[in-house]
Structure formats: C-alpha cells, structure tokens
Amino acid sequence: MADIKDPENTILMELKDGTVVIELMADVAPQHCDRMKTLARSGAYDNVVFHRVIDGFMAQTGDVANGNAEKDFNLRSAGTGGSDMPNVPAEFSKLPHDRGTIGAARSASPDSANSQFFINFSDNSFLNGQYTVYGRVLSGMEHVDAILRGEPPMNPDRMISVKVAADA
C-alpha cells in the first residue's frame, strides 16, 4: 500500500481484488474532495457498481441513487443519478487527465457534478479543461485495471467499501 502523507485527504477504496489508495487534491478542487469525503463517511459509496467501464478509457462509478448493488439496484438506471446534495460547480485546473487520475463525471453542464466519478485507465488529454480532476491513484491501479468492462457490464464490479483513511 502507498505511503499515506495526508490521511484526511486519502481515500481507501476496497475492490474485489484489493485496496485502491486515492490521494485527493483538496488544494486544487476543494468542493469535489469535500463531496467525496462526505459521501465516503456516510457509507453512500459502499456497494456501488462501476456502471460504465470502457477499455483503454475509464471506469465510472458513484451513482449513489441507482447504483447500489445491495439495494434497489437497476442496471439500466445506474449512471443516471447522484446524491441528494446539490451539484458541485466545476473546479477546472491545469492538471491533465493522466492514467490513474480521478475525474468528476457530469452531464452537459460543467457545474453538474454530484457523486459520480471516473478513474482514467490511460492518458485522456481530450478531457483536459472539461472535467474536474480532483484525485490520483497512489497504489492499487492494477485492481482498477481488473474491473469488468461494459456499458454497463452484465455483472458489474462494485466498490465494496470507500473510506477516508483518517477514519480507517
């Protein structure tokens, strides 16, 4: 596991194959980081599926309204919802969408991010300046690489648990 320098801004995401350690960039996108920590602390991300996983591109998850594999899960609607909190405005930066970075998923409006996010499988520079980058995988990218592909996958992988390292 990665050396954790700032436990308050580190996410521990448990996947079927192991733990993914994510560094949140609170200095770059404080509102997005706060939202992820709030949802992680409430348990909202636990058991949420990866509903859109495109080989060579990214793995998207975080639909806390429709994507919980333990609750009223409907694969067709996974990816269409968010949390009951207000949307988060864009916090664009010069940080590139490189392999392992975390980006805020949104609709056509730049200020429509809520709970969903994606992890880049590769360098996706065409997303630069259009989607907020607010984190980076420090370790466990091999577990992200092992997520089942599909839009949506027939039997989607899920985030078993998501915790703030300071609370773990």
N, C-alpha and C. Protein backbone atom coordinates (compact mmCIF):
# COMPACT_ATOMS: atom_id res chain seq x y z
N MET A 1 0.85 -1.18 0.00
CA MET A 1 0.00 0.00 0.00
C MET A 1 0.89 1.24 0.00
N ALA A 2 0.39 2.31 -0.57
CA ALA A 2 1.13 3.56 -0.70
C ALA A 2 1.39 4.19 0.68
N ASP A 3 2.42 4.99 0.73
CA ASP A 3 2.73 5.77 1.92
C ASP A 3 1.72 6.92 1.98
N ILE A 4 0.89 6.94 3.01
CA ILE A 4 -0.16 7.95 3.13
C ILE A 4 0.39 9.15 3.88
N LYS A 5 0.46 10.30 3.18
CA LYS A 5 1.00 11.53 3.77
C LYS A 5 -0.07 12.37 4.46
N ASP A 6 -1.30 12.34 3.91
CA ASP A 6 -2.39 13.16 4.43
C ASP A 6 -3.64 12.28 4.56
N PRO A 7 -3.81 11.59 5.68
CA PRO A 7 -4.95 10.67 5.84
C PRO A 7 -6.32 11.33 5.65
N GLU A 8 -6.44 12.62 5.97
CA GLU A 8 -7.72 13.31 5.81
C GLU A 8 -8.07 13.49 4.33
N ASN A 9 -7.09 13.49 3.47
CA ASN A 9 -7.32 13.65 2.03
C ASN A 9 -6.86 12.42 1.25
N THR A 10 -7.07 11.26 1.84
CA THR A 10 -6.77 9.98 1.20
C THR A 10 -7.99 9.09 1.31
N ILE A 11 -8.35 8.47 0.19
CA ILE A 11 -9.49 7.57 0.13
C ILE A 11 -8.98 6.14 0.00
N LEU A 12 -9.57 5.21 0.75
CA LEU A 12 -9.27 3.79 0.65
C LEU A 12 -10.49 3.12 0.03
N MET A 13 -10.36 2.69 -1.21
CA MET A 13 -11.45 2.06 -1.95
C MET A 13 -11.17 0.58 -2.05
N GLU A 14 -12.04 -0.22 -1.44
CA GLU A 14 -11.87 -1.67 -1.46
C GLU A 14 -12.61 -2.24 -2.67
N LEU A 15 -11.86 -2.91 -3.56
CA LEU A 15 -12.43 -3.60 -4.71
C LEU A 15 -12.26 -5.10 -4.52
N LYS A 16 -12.82 -5.90 -5.40
CA LYS A 16 -12.78 -7.36 -5.26
C LYS A 16 -11.36 -7.90 -5.21
N ASP A 17 -10.43 -7.23 -5.86
CA ASP A 17 -9.05 -7.72 -5.91
C ASP A 17 -8.11 -7.04 -4.93
N GLY A 18 -8.57 -6.02 -4.22
CA GLY A 18 -7.69 -5.36 -3.26
C GLY A 18 -8.03 -3.89 -3.08
N THR A 19 -7.18 -3.19 -2.34
CA THR A 19 -7.40 -1.80 -1.97
C THR A 19 -6.76 -0.85 -2.97
N VAL A 20 -7.53 0.18 -3.33
CA VAL A 20 -7.03 1.27 -4.17
C VAL A 20 -6.88 2.48 -3.25
N VAL A 21 -5.68 3.05 -3.21
CA VAL A 21 -5.41 4.22 -2.38
C VAL A 21 -5.43 5.44 -3.30
N ILE A 22 -6.30 6.40 -2.97
CA ILE A 22 -6.50 7.59 -3.79
C ILE A 22 -6.14 8.83 -2.98
N GLU A 23 -5.27 9.64 -3.56
CA GLU A 23 -4.91 10.93 -2.97
C GLU A 23 -5.88 11.98 -3.52
N LEU A 24 -6.58 12.67 -2.62
CA LEU A 24 -7.46 13.76 -3.03
C LEU A 24 -6.65 15.05 -3.09
N MET A 25 -6.94 15.89 -4.07
CA MET A 25 -6.21 17.14 -4.28
C MET A 25 -7.07 18.31 -3.80
N ALA A 26 -7.16 18.43 -2.48
CA ALA A 26 -8.01 19.45 -1.87
C ALA A 26 -7.55 20.86 -2.20
N ASP A 27 -6.29 21.03 -2.51
CA ASP A 27 -5.79 22.36 -2.87
C ASP A 27 -6.22 22.76 -4.28
N VAL A 28 -6.58 21.80 -5.11
CA VAL A 28 -6.96 22.04 -6.50
C VAL A 28 -8.48 22.09 -6.67
N ALA A 29 -9.19 21.18 -6.02
CA ALA A 29 -10.64 21.06 -6.17
C ALA A 29 -11.28 20.76 -4.81
N PRO A 30 -11.28 21.75 -3.91
CA PRO A 30 -11.75 21.50 -2.54
C PRO A 30 -13.20 21.04 -2.43
N GLN A 31 -14.09 21.57 -3.27
CA GLN A 31 -15.50 21.19 -3.16
C GLN A 31 -15.73 19.74 -3.61
N HIS A 32 -15.04 19.31 -4.66
CA HIS A 32 -15.17 17.93 -5.12
C HIS A 32 -14.60 16.96 -4.08
N CYS A 33 -13.46 17.34 -3.49
CA CYS A 33 -12.85 16.49 -2.46
C CYS A 33 -13.75 16.39 -1.24
N ASP A 34 -14.32 17.52 -0.82
CA ASP A 34 -15.23 17.51 0.32
C ASP A 34 -16.44 16.62 0.06
N ARG A 35 -16.98 16.67 -1.17
CA ARG A 35 -18.14 15.84 -1.51
C ARG A 35 -17.77 14.36 -1.42
N MET A 36 -16.61 13.98 -1.98
CA MET A 36 -16.22 12.57 -1.94
C MET A 36 -16.05 12.11 -0.50
N LYS A 37 -15.44 12.93 0.34
CA LYS A 37 -15.24 12.55 1.74
C LYS A 37 -16.58 12.45 2.48
N THR A 38 -17.49 13.37 2.21
CA THR A 38 -18.82 13.34 2.85
C THR A 38 -19.55 12.06 2.49
N LEU A 39 -19.55 11.71 1.19
CA LEU A 39 -20.24 10.50 0.75
C LEU A 39 -19.55 9.24 1.27
N ALA A 40 -18.22 9.25 1.30
CA ALA A 40 -17.50 8.09 1.84
C ALA A 40 -17.82 7.91 3.32
N ARG A 41 -17.80 8.99 4.06
CA ARG A 41 -18.06 8.91 5.51
C ARG A 41 -19.48 8.47 5.82
N SER A 42 -20.42 8.77 4.94
CA SER A 42 -21.81 8.38 5.17
C SER A 42 -22.08 6.94 4.74
N GLY A 43 -21.11 6.32 4.05
CA GLY A 43 -21.29 4.96 3.55
C GLY A 43 -22.02 4.90 2.22
N ALA A 44 -22.29 6.06 1.62
CA ALA A 44 -23.07 6.10 0.38
C ALA A 44 -22.40 5.38 -0.78
N TYR A 45 -21.06 5.36 -0.81
CA TYR A 45 -20.35 4.72 -1.92
C TYR A 45 -20.21 3.19 -1.75
N ASP A 46 -20.47 2.69 -0.57
CA ASP A 46 -20.31 1.25 -0.33
C ASP A 46 -21.28 0.45 -1.20
N ASN A 47 -20.75 -0.56 -1.88
CA ASN A 47 -21.51 -1.47 -2.75
C ASN A 47 -22.03 -0.84 -4.04
N VAL A 48 -21.55 0.35 -4.40
CA VAL A 48 -21.99 1.00 -5.64
C VAL A 48 -21.19 0.43 -6.81
N VAL A 49 -21.90 0.14 -7.90
CA VAL A 49 -21.29 -0.53 -9.06
C VAL A 49 -20.53 0.43 -9.96
N PHE A 50 -19.62 -0.15 -10.73
CA PHE A 50 -18.99 0.53 -11.85
C PHE A 50 -19.91 0.30 -13.05
N HIS A 51 -20.67 1.32 -13.41
CA HIS A 51 -21.73 1.16 -14.41
C HIS A 51 -21.27 1.45 -15.84
N ARG A 52 -20.11 2.04 -16.00
CA ARG A 52 -19.61 2.37 -17.34
C ARG A 52 -18.09 2.18 -17.32
N VAL A 53 -17.64 1.14 -17.97
CA VAL A 53 -16.22 0.79 -17.93
C VAL A 53 -15.76 0.53 -19.37
N ILE A 54 -14.97 1.44 -19.90
CA ILE A 54 -14.56 1.38 -21.30
C ILE A 54 -13.07 1.11 -21.37
N ASP A 55 -12.71 -0.02 -21.98
CA ASP A 55 -11.31 -0.42 -22.09
C ASP A 55 -10.48 0.67 -22.75
N GLY A 56 -9.34 0.98 -22.17
CA GLY A 56 -8.45 2.00 -22.70
C GLY A 56 -8.89 3.42 -22.40
N PHE A 57 -10.02 3.58 -21.72
CA PHE A 57 -10.54 4.91 -21.43
C PHE A 57 -10.69 5.13 -19.92
N MET A 58 -11.78 4.63 -19.33
CA MET A 58 -12.02 4.90 -17.92
C MET A 58 -13.05 3.95 -17.33
N ALA A 59 -13.10 3.95 -15.97
CA ALA A 59 -14.10 3.21 -15.20
C ALA A 59 -14.90 4.23 -14.40
N GLN A 60 -16.24 4.26 -14.60
CA GLN A 60 -17.09 5.24 -13.94
C GLN A 60 -17.98 4.56 -12.91
N THR A 61 -18.15 5.24 -11.79
CA THR A 61 -18.94 4.75 -10.67
C THR A 61 -19.50 5.94 -9.89
N GLY A 62 -20.11 5.66 -8.76
CA GLY A 62 -20.52 6.72 -7.85
C GLY A 62 -21.96 7.14 -7.92
N ASP A 63 -22.80 6.40 -8.68
CA ASP A 63 -24.23 6.72 -8.70
C ASP A 63 -24.85 6.17 -7.42
N VAL A 64 -24.85 7.00 -6.38
CA VAL A 64 -25.32 6.54 -5.08
C VAL A 64 -26.84 6.41 -5.03
N ALA A 65 -27.55 6.99 -6.00
CA ALA A 65 -29.02 6.87 -6.04
C ALA A 65 -29.46 5.56 -6.69
N ASN A 66 -28.79 5.14 -7.75
CA ASN A 66 -29.24 4.00 -8.54
C ASN A 66 -28.25 2.85 -8.65
N GLY A 67 -27.05 3.02 -8.13
CA GLY A 67 -26.01 2.03 -8.38
C GLY A 67 -25.63 1.13 -7.24
N ASN A 68 -26.44 1.09 -6.18
CA ASN A 68 -26.08 0.26 -5.04
C ASN A 68 -26.48 -1.19 -5.29
N ALA A 69 -25.50 -2.06 -5.36
CA ALA A 69 -25.73 -3.47 -5.67
C ALA A 69 -26.49 -4.19 -4.56
N GLU A 70 -26.60 -3.60 -3.40
CA GLU A 70 -27.27 -4.24 -2.27
C GLU A 70 -28.72 -3.77 -2.09
N LYS A 71 -29.07 -2.67 -2.74
CA LYS A 71 -30.41 -2.09 -2.51
C LYS A 71 -31.27 -2.28 -3.75
N ASP A 72 -32.05 -1.31 -4.09
CA ASP A 72 -32.96 -1.38 -5.25
C ASP A 72 -32.16 -1.15 -6.51
N PHE A 73 -31.30 -2.08 -6.85
CA PHE A 73 -30.38 -1.93 -7.96
C PHE A 73 -31.07 -2.21 -9.29
N ASN A 74 -30.92 -1.27 -10.22
CA ASN A 74 -31.44 -1.44 -11.57
C ASN A 74 -30.31 -1.07 -12.52
N LEU A 75 -29.76 -2.06 -13.18
CA LEU A 75 -28.61 -1.85 -14.04
C LEU A 75 -28.88 -0.82 -15.13
N ARG A 76 -30.11 -0.77 -15.63
CA ARG A 76 -30.43 0.18 -16.71
C ARG A 76 -30.40 1.62 -16.23
N SER A 77 -30.74 1.87 -14.98
CA SER A 77 -30.76 3.25 -14.49
C SER A 77 -29.45 3.64 -13.81
N ALA A 78 -28.57 2.69 -13.53
CA ALA A 78 -27.28 3.02 -12.91
C ALA A 78 -26.53 3.99 -13.83
N GLY A 79 -26.06 5.06 -13.26
CA GLY A 79 -25.36 6.07 -14.03
C GLY A 79 -26.20 7.29 -14.33
N THR A 80 -27.47 7.26 -13.90
CA THR A 80 -28.35 8.39 -14.18
C THR A 80 -28.61 9.27 -12.97
N GLY A 81 -28.08 8.89 -11.82
CA GLY A 81 -28.39 9.62 -10.59
C GLY A 81 -27.18 10.16 -9.87
N GLY A 82 -27.47 10.76 -8.73
CA GLY A 82 -26.44 11.32 -7.87
C GLY A 82 -26.90 11.25 -6.43
N SER A 83 -26.35 12.10 -5.61
CA SER A 83 -26.75 12.15 -4.20
C SER A 83 -27.91 13.13 -4.05
N ASP A 84 -28.40 13.26 -2.82
CA ASP A 84 -29.46 14.23 -2.56
C ASP A 84 -28.90 15.61 -2.22
N MET A 85 -27.59 15.77 -2.35
CA MET A 85 -26.95 17.07 -2.12
C MET A 85 -26.91 17.87 -3.42
N PRO A 86 -26.74 19.18 -3.33
CA PRO A 86 -26.68 20.00 -4.54
C PRO A 86 -25.46 19.65 -5.40
N ASN A 87 -25.54 19.96 -6.68
CA ASN A 87 -24.41 19.72 -7.58
C ASN A 87 -23.21 20.56 -7.17
N VAL A 88 -22.04 20.13 -7.60
CA VAL A 88 -20.79 20.80 -7.29
C VAL A 88 -20.34 21.57 -8.54
N PRO A 89 -20.02 22.86 -8.40
CA PRO A 89 -19.56 23.61 -9.57
C PRO A 89 -18.18 23.13 -10.04
N ALA A 90 -17.93 23.29 -11.32
CA ALA A 90 -16.65 22.88 -11.90
C ALA A 90 -15.49 23.57 -11.19
N GLU A 91 -14.41 22.82 -11.01
CA GLU A 91 -13.16 23.35 -10.44
C GLU A 91 -12.04 22.93 -11.39
N PHE A 92 -12.07 23.49 -12.59
CA PHE A 92 -11.09 23.14 -13.61
C PHE A 92 -9.71 23.63 -13.20
N SER A 93 -8.69 22.89 -13.63
CA SER A 93 -7.30 23.25 -13.34
C SER A 93 -6.45 22.85 -14.55
N LYS A 94 -5.17 23.04 -14.42
CA LYS A 94 -4.23 22.66 -15.47
C LYS A 94 -3.81 21.20 -15.35
N LEU A 95 -4.31 20.50 -14.32
CA LEU A 95 -3.94 19.09 -14.15
C LEU A 95 -4.49 18.26 -15.30
N PRO A 96 -3.65 17.43 -15.91
CA PRO A 96 -4.12 16.61 -17.03
C PRO A 96 -4.85 15.36 -16.56
N HIS A 97 -5.69 14.84 -17.43
CA HIS A 97 -6.38 13.58 -17.19
C HIS A 97 -5.44 12.44 -17.58
N ASP A 98 -4.47 12.17 -16.73
CA ASP A 98 -3.50 11.10 -16.96
C ASP A 98 -4.01 9.79 -16.39
N ARG A 99 -3.33 8.73 -16.73
CA ARG A 99 -3.66 7.41 -16.18
C ARG A 99 -3.68 7.50 -14.65
N GLY A 100 -4.76 6.99 -14.06
CA GLY A 100 -4.88 6.96 -12.60
C GLY A 100 -5.49 8.18 -11.97
N THR A 101 -5.76 9.23 -12.75
CA THR A 101 -6.40 10.40 -12.15
C THR A 101 -7.89 10.15 -11.99
N ILE A 102 -8.48 10.88 -11.03
CA ILE A 102 -9.90 10.80 -10.73
C ILE A 102 -10.54 12.06 -11.30
N GLY A 103 -11.60 11.87 -12.09
CA GLY A 103 -12.33 12.99 -12.67
C GLY A 103 -13.77 12.97 -12.23
N ALA A 104 -14.37 14.15 -12.16
CA ALA A 104 -15.78 14.28 -11.79
C ALA A 104 -16.64 14.05 -13.03
N ALA A 105 -17.53 13.06 -12.95
CA ALA A 105 -18.49 12.83 -14.02
C ALA A 105 -19.59 13.88 -13.90
N ARG A 106 -20.15 14.25 -15.04
CA ARG A 106 -21.19 15.28 -15.05
C ARG A 106 -22.04 15.13 -16.30
N SER A 107 -23.10 15.92 -16.37
CA SER A 107 -23.92 15.97 -17.59
C SER A 107 -23.32 17.04 -18.51
N ALA A 108 -24.08 17.56 -19.43
CA ALA A 108 -23.57 18.57 -20.38
C ALA A 108 -23.14 19.86 -19.68
N SER A 109 -23.75 20.17 -18.55
CA SER A 109 -23.39 21.38 -17.83
C SER A 109 -22.12 21.15 -17.01
N PRO A 110 -21.13 22.05 -17.15
CA PRO A 110 -19.89 21.90 -16.36
C PRO A 110 -20.12 21.91 -14.85
N ASP A 111 -21.22 22.52 -14.41
CA ASP A 111 -21.49 22.64 -12.98
C ASP A 111 -22.49 21.60 -12.48
N SER A 112 -22.51 20.42 -13.11
CA SER A 112 -23.50 19.39 -12.75
C SER A 112 -22.89 18.16 -12.08
N ALA A 113 -21.63 18.23 -11.68
CA ALA A 113 -21.03 17.10 -10.96
C ALA A 113 -21.74 16.93 -9.62
N ASN A 114 -21.86 15.67 -9.18
CA ASN A 114 -22.52 15.42 -7.90
C ASN A 114 -21.77 14.33 -7.15
N SER A 115 -22.09 13.08 -7.42
CA SER A 115 -21.45 11.97 -6.69
C SER A 115 -20.62 11.07 -7.60
N GLN A 116 -20.90 11.09 -8.90
CA GLN A 116 -20.23 10.16 -9.81
C GLN A 116 -18.83 10.64 -10.18
N PHE A 117 -17.95 9.67 -10.38
CA PHE A 117 -16.58 9.97 -10.77
C PHE A 117 -16.05 8.85 -11.64
N PHE A 118 -14.90 9.11 -12.26
CA PHE A 118 -14.27 8.09 -13.09
C PHE A 118 -12.78 8.07 -12.81
N ILE A 119 -12.20 6.90 -13.06
CA ILE A 119 -10.76 6.70 -12.94
C ILE A 119 -10.23 6.43 -14.35
N ASN A 120 -9.27 7.22 -14.79
CA ASN A 120 -8.72 7.08 -16.13
C ASN A 120 -7.80 5.86 -16.23
N PHE A 121 -8.08 5.00 -17.21
CA PHE A 121 -7.21 3.85 -17.50
C PHE A 121 -5.95 4.29 -18.24
N SER A 122 -6.05 5.38 -19.00
CA SER A 122 -4.92 5.84 -19.81
C SER A 122 -4.92 7.36 -19.81
N ASP A 123 -3.94 7.94 -20.49
CA ASP A 123 -3.86 9.39 -20.61
C ASP A 123 -4.97 9.84 -21.56
N ASN A 124 -5.89 10.63 -21.05
CA ASN A 124 -7.05 11.09 -21.82
C ASN A 124 -7.04 12.61 -21.93
N SER A 125 -6.05 13.13 -22.64
CA SER A 125 -5.84 14.58 -22.71
C SER A 125 -7.03 15.32 -23.32
N PHE A 126 -7.86 14.63 -24.11
CA PHE A 126 -9.02 15.29 -24.71
C PHE A 126 -10.04 15.73 -23.66
N LEU A 127 -9.91 15.24 -22.42
CA LEU A 127 -10.79 15.64 -21.33
C LEU A 127 -10.27 16.87 -20.57
N ASN A 128 -9.02 17.23 -20.82
CA ASN A 128 -8.39 18.33 -20.08
C ASN A 128 -9.21 19.62 -20.21
N GLY A 129 -9.43 20.28 -19.06
CA GLY A 129 -10.15 21.54 -19.05
C GLY A 129 -11.65 21.41 -19.21
N GLN A 130 -12.17 20.17 -19.31
CA GLN A 130 -13.60 19.95 -19.48
C GLN A 130 -14.24 19.22 -18.29
N TYR A 131 -13.42 18.48 -17.56
CA TYR A 131 -13.88 17.72 -16.40
C TYR A 131 -12.89 17.98 -15.26
N THR A 132 -13.41 18.16 -14.05
CA THR A 132 -12.57 18.45 -12.90
C THR A 132 -11.75 17.23 -12.50
N VAL A 133 -10.44 17.42 -12.40
CA VAL A 133 -9.53 16.41 -11.84
C VAL A 133 -9.40 16.73 -10.36
N TYR A 134 -9.66 15.73 -9.49
CA TYR A 134 -9.56 16.03 -8.06
C TYR A 134 -8.88 14.94 -7.24
N GLY A 135 -8.30 13.95 -7.91
CA GLY A 135 -7.59 12.91 -7.19
C GLY A 135 -6.71 12.10 -8.10
N ARG A 136 -5.92 11.22 -7.48
CA ARG A 136 -4.99 10.38 -8.22
C ARG A 136 -4.78 9.08 -7.46
N VAL A 137 -4.77 7.97 -8.19
CA VAL A 137 -4.49 6.67 -7.58
C VAL A 137 -3.01 6.63 -7.20
N LEU A 138 -2.74 6.37 -5.92
CA LEU A 138 -1.36 6.24 -5.44
C LEU A 138 -0.89 4.79 -5.51
N SER A 139 -1.80 3.87 -5.23
CA SER A 139 -1.48 2.44 -5.34
C SER A 139 -2.77 1.66 -5.58
N GLY A 140 -2.62 0.49 -6.19
CA GLY A 140 -3.76 -0.36 -6.47
C GLY A 140 -4.34 -0.18 -7.86
N MET A 141 -3.63 0.50 -8.75
CA MET A 141 -4.16 0.70 -10.10
C MET A 141 -4.37 -0.64 -10.81
N GLU A 142 -3.61 -1.66 -10.41
CA GLU A 142 -3.82 -2.99 -11.01
C GLU A 142 -5.21 -3.52 -10.68
N HIS A 143 -5.78 -3.12 -9.54
CA HIS A 143 -7.14 -3.53 -9.17
C HIS A 143 -8.18 -2.78 -10.01
N VAL A 144 -7.88 -1.53 -10.31
CA VAL A 144 -8.75 -0.75 -11.20
C VAL A 144 -8.72 -1.37 -12.60
N ASP A 145 -7.52 -1.73 -13.06
CA ASP A 145 -7.37 -2.34 -14.38
C ASP A 145 -8.17 -3.64 -14.51
N ALA A 146 -8.44 -4.31 -13.39
CA ALA A 146 -9.14 -5.60 -13.40
C ALA A 146 -10.67 -5.47 -13.37
N ILE A 147 -11.20 -4.23 -13.31
CA ILE A 147 -12.65 -4.03 -13.28
C ILE A 147 -13.27 -4.52 -14.59
N LEU A 148 -14.38 -5.24 -14.48
CA LEU A 148 -15.08 -5.79 -15.63
C LEU A 148 -15.57 -4.68 -16.55
N ARG A 149 -15.28 -4.83 -17.87
CA ARG A 149 -15.67 -3.83 -18.86
C ARG A 149 -17.12 -3.99 -19.29
N GLY A 150 -17.71 -2.87 -19.75
CA GLY A 150 -19.06 -2.87 -20.30
C GLY A 150 -19.75 -1.54 -20.05
N GLU A 151 -20.83 -1.30 -20.82
CA GLU A 151 -21.63 -0.08 -20.69
C GLU A 151 -23.11 -0.41 -20.65
N PRO A 152 -23.65 -0.96 -19.62
CA PRO A 152 -22.99 -1.39 -18.38
C PRO A 152 -22.51 -2.84 -18.49
N PRO A 153 -21.59 -3.23 -17.63
CA PRO A 153 -21.19 -4.65 -17.59
C PRO A 153 -22.39 -5.51 -17.17
N MET A 154 -22.44 -6.73 -17.67
CA MET A 154 -23.55 -7.62 -17.32
C MET A 154 -23.59 -7.93 -15.82
N ASN A 155 -22.45 -8.19 -15.23
CA ASN A 155 -22.34 -8.42 -13.79
C ASN A 155 -21.28 -7.46 -13.25
N PRO A 156 -21.66 -6.20 -13.05
CA PRO A 156 -20.67 -5.17 -12.76
C PRO A 156 -19.93 -5.38 -11.44
N ASP A 157 -18.65 -4.98 -11.47
CA ASP A 157 -17.88 -4.91 -10.24
C ASP A 157 -18.39 -3.71 -9.45
N ARG A 158 -18.04 -3.68 -8.17
CA ARG A 158 -18.54 -2.61 -7.31
C ARG A 158 -17.44 -2.16 -6.36
N MET A 159 -17.66 -1.01 -5.78
CA MET A 159 -16.81 -0.54 -4.69
C MET A 159 -17.36 -1.22 -3.44
N ILE A 160 -16.62 -2.14 -2.88
CA ILE A 160 -17.10 -2.86 -1.69
C ILE A 160 -17.23 -1.89 -0.52
N SER A 161 -16.20 -1.09 -0.32
CA SER A 161 -16.26 -0.03 0.69
C SER A 161 -15.36 1.13 0.27
N VAL A 162 -15.72 2.31 0.72
CA VAL A 162 -14.95 3.53 0.45
C VAL A 162 -14.85 4.28 1.76
N LYS A 163 -13.62 4.51 2.20
CA LYS A 163 -13.39 5.16 3.49
C LYS A 163 -12.35 6.27 3.36
N VAL A 164 -12.45 7.27 4.21
CA VAL A 164 -11.39 8.26 4.35
C VAL A 164 -10.33 7.63 5.25
N ALA A 165 -9.09 7.66 4.83
CA ALA A 165 -8.02 6.99 5.58
C ALA A 165 -7.95 7.45 7.03
N ALA A 166 -8.24 8.71 7.29
CA ALA A 166 -8.21 9.23 8.68
C ALA A 166 -9.20 8.50 9.58
N ASP A 167 -10.23 7.90 8.98
CA ASP A 167 -11.28 7.24 9.75
C ASP A 167 -11.07 5.71 9.82
N ALA A 168 -10.15 5.20 9.01
CA ALA A 168 -9.98 3.74 8.90
C ALA A 168 -9.17 3.17 10.05
